[in-house]
Amino acid sequence: MAKNGAEAEIDEGLYSRQLYVLGHEAMKRMQTSNVLVSGLRGLGVEVAKNLVLGGVKSVTLHDPHPAAWADLASQ
C-alpha cells in the first residue's frame, strides 16, 4: 500500500475483469474499504471469500454461533 496518502496502483493484470465491470474509481474505493461480515454460515463464508478476492482493504468476520455439521457441508 502506498504511504503518505498517495493512492495505491491497481494491478490491472490481476483485476482486469473487475476493472472492466466496475471501473477504476470503484476499484480504488474498494481497495480502501474495511468490511464487516456478521453471521457467517455457508452464505457468509462465500460473501467473505468474494470480498477478499475482490481486493478490499480488510475483512472482519463475526459469527456468534459455533460451527455446525451443516456449515461444513455448505461449501
Protein backbone atom coordinates (compact mmCIF):
# COMPACT_ATOMS: atom_id res chain seq x y z
CA MET A 1 0.00 0.00 0.00
CA ALA A 2 1.24 3.49 -0.78
CA LYS A 3 2.45 5.76 2.01
CA ASN A 4 1.81 9.42 2.82
CA GLY A 5 -1.75 9.43 1.49
CA ALA A 6 -0.74 8.54 -2.07
CA GLU A 7 -3.16 6.33 -3.96
CA ALA A 8 -2.24 2.70 -4.45
CA GLU A 9 -1.90 1.47 -8.00
CA ILE A 10 -4.36 -1.15 -9.23
CA ASP A 11 -2.80 -4.33 -10.59
CA GLU A 12 -4.57 -4.33 -13.97
CA GLY A 13 -3.40 -7.86 -14.80
CA LEU A 14 -4.87 -9.28 -11.59
CA TYR A 15 -8.11 -7.28 -11.57
CA SER A 16 -8.71 -6.86 -15.33
CA ARG A 17 -12.23 -8.34 -15.31
CA GLN A 18 -13.31 -6.33 -12.29
CA LEU A 19 -11.91 -3.14 -13.80
CA TYR A 20 -13.94 -3.78 -16.95
CA VAL A 21 -17.16 -4.21 -14.94
CA LEU A 22 -16.66 -1.72 -12.09
CA GLY A 23 -14.22 0.87 -13.45
CA HIS A 24 -11.14 2.43 -11.88
CA GLU A 25 -12.97 4.69 -9.43
CA ALA A 26 -14.96 1.84 -7.86
CA MET A 27 -11.83 -0.34 -7.63
CA LYS A 28 -9.94 2.46 -5.86
CA ARG A 29 -12.80 2.78 -3.36
CA MET A 30 -12.85 -1.00 -2.82
CA GLN A 31 -9.10 -1.02 -2.10
CA THR A 32 -9.65 1.38 0.80
CA SER A 33 -12.81 -0.31 2.17
CA ASN A 34 -12.95 -2.10 5.53
CA VAL A 35 -15.79 -4.65 5.57
CA LEU A 36 -17.54 -6.45 8.45
CA VAL A 37 -19.30 -9.75 7.67
CA SER A 38 -21.54 -10.73 10.58
CA GLY A 39 -23.20 -14.13 10.72
CA LEU A 40 -21.24 -16.49 8.55
CA ARG A 41 -22.83 -19.86 7.85
CA GLY A 42 -22.42 -21.00 4.25
CA LEU A 43 -23.55 -17.80 2.56
CA GLY A 44 -21.48 -15.51 4.79
CA VAL A 45 -18.33 -17.53 4.08
CA GLU A 46 -18.96 -17.26 0.34
CA VAL A 47 -19.53 -13.50 0.60
CA ALA A 48 -16.34 -13.07 2.66
CA LYS A 49 -14.34 -15.09 0.12
CA ASN A 50 -15.59 -12.96 -2.75
CA LEU A 51 -14.79 -9.74 -0.86
CA VAL A 52 -11.22 -10.90 -0.25
CA LEU A 53 -10.81 -11.91 -3.89
CA GLY A 54 -12.32 -8.58 -4.90
CA GLY A 55 -9.44 -6.72 -3.29
CA VAL A 56 -10.93 -4.88 -0.31
CA LYS A 57 -8.50 -3.48 2.27
CA SER A 58 -9.70 -5.64 5.17
CA VAL A 59 -12.46 -8.09 6.07
CA THR A 60 -13.52 -8.70 9.67
CA LEU A 61 -15.52 -11.86 10.35
CA HIS A 62 -18.06 -12.11 13.18
CA ASP A 63 -20.12 -15.19 13.96
CA PRO A 64 -21.59 -15.65 17.44
CA HIS A 65 -22.62 -19.26 16.74
CA PRO A 66 -20.27 -22.27 16.81
CA ALA A 67 -19.74 -24.17 13.58
CA ALA A 68 -22.22 -26.98 12.93
CA TRP A 69 -22.13 -30.00 10.63
CA ALA A 70 -24.44 -28.24 8.19
CA ASP A 71 -21.87 -25.42 7.86
CA LEU A 72 -19.21 -27.89 6.79
CA ALA A 73 -21.43 -29.26 4.02
CA SER A 74 -22.43 -25.88 2.57
CA GLN A 75 -19.26 -25.30 0.53
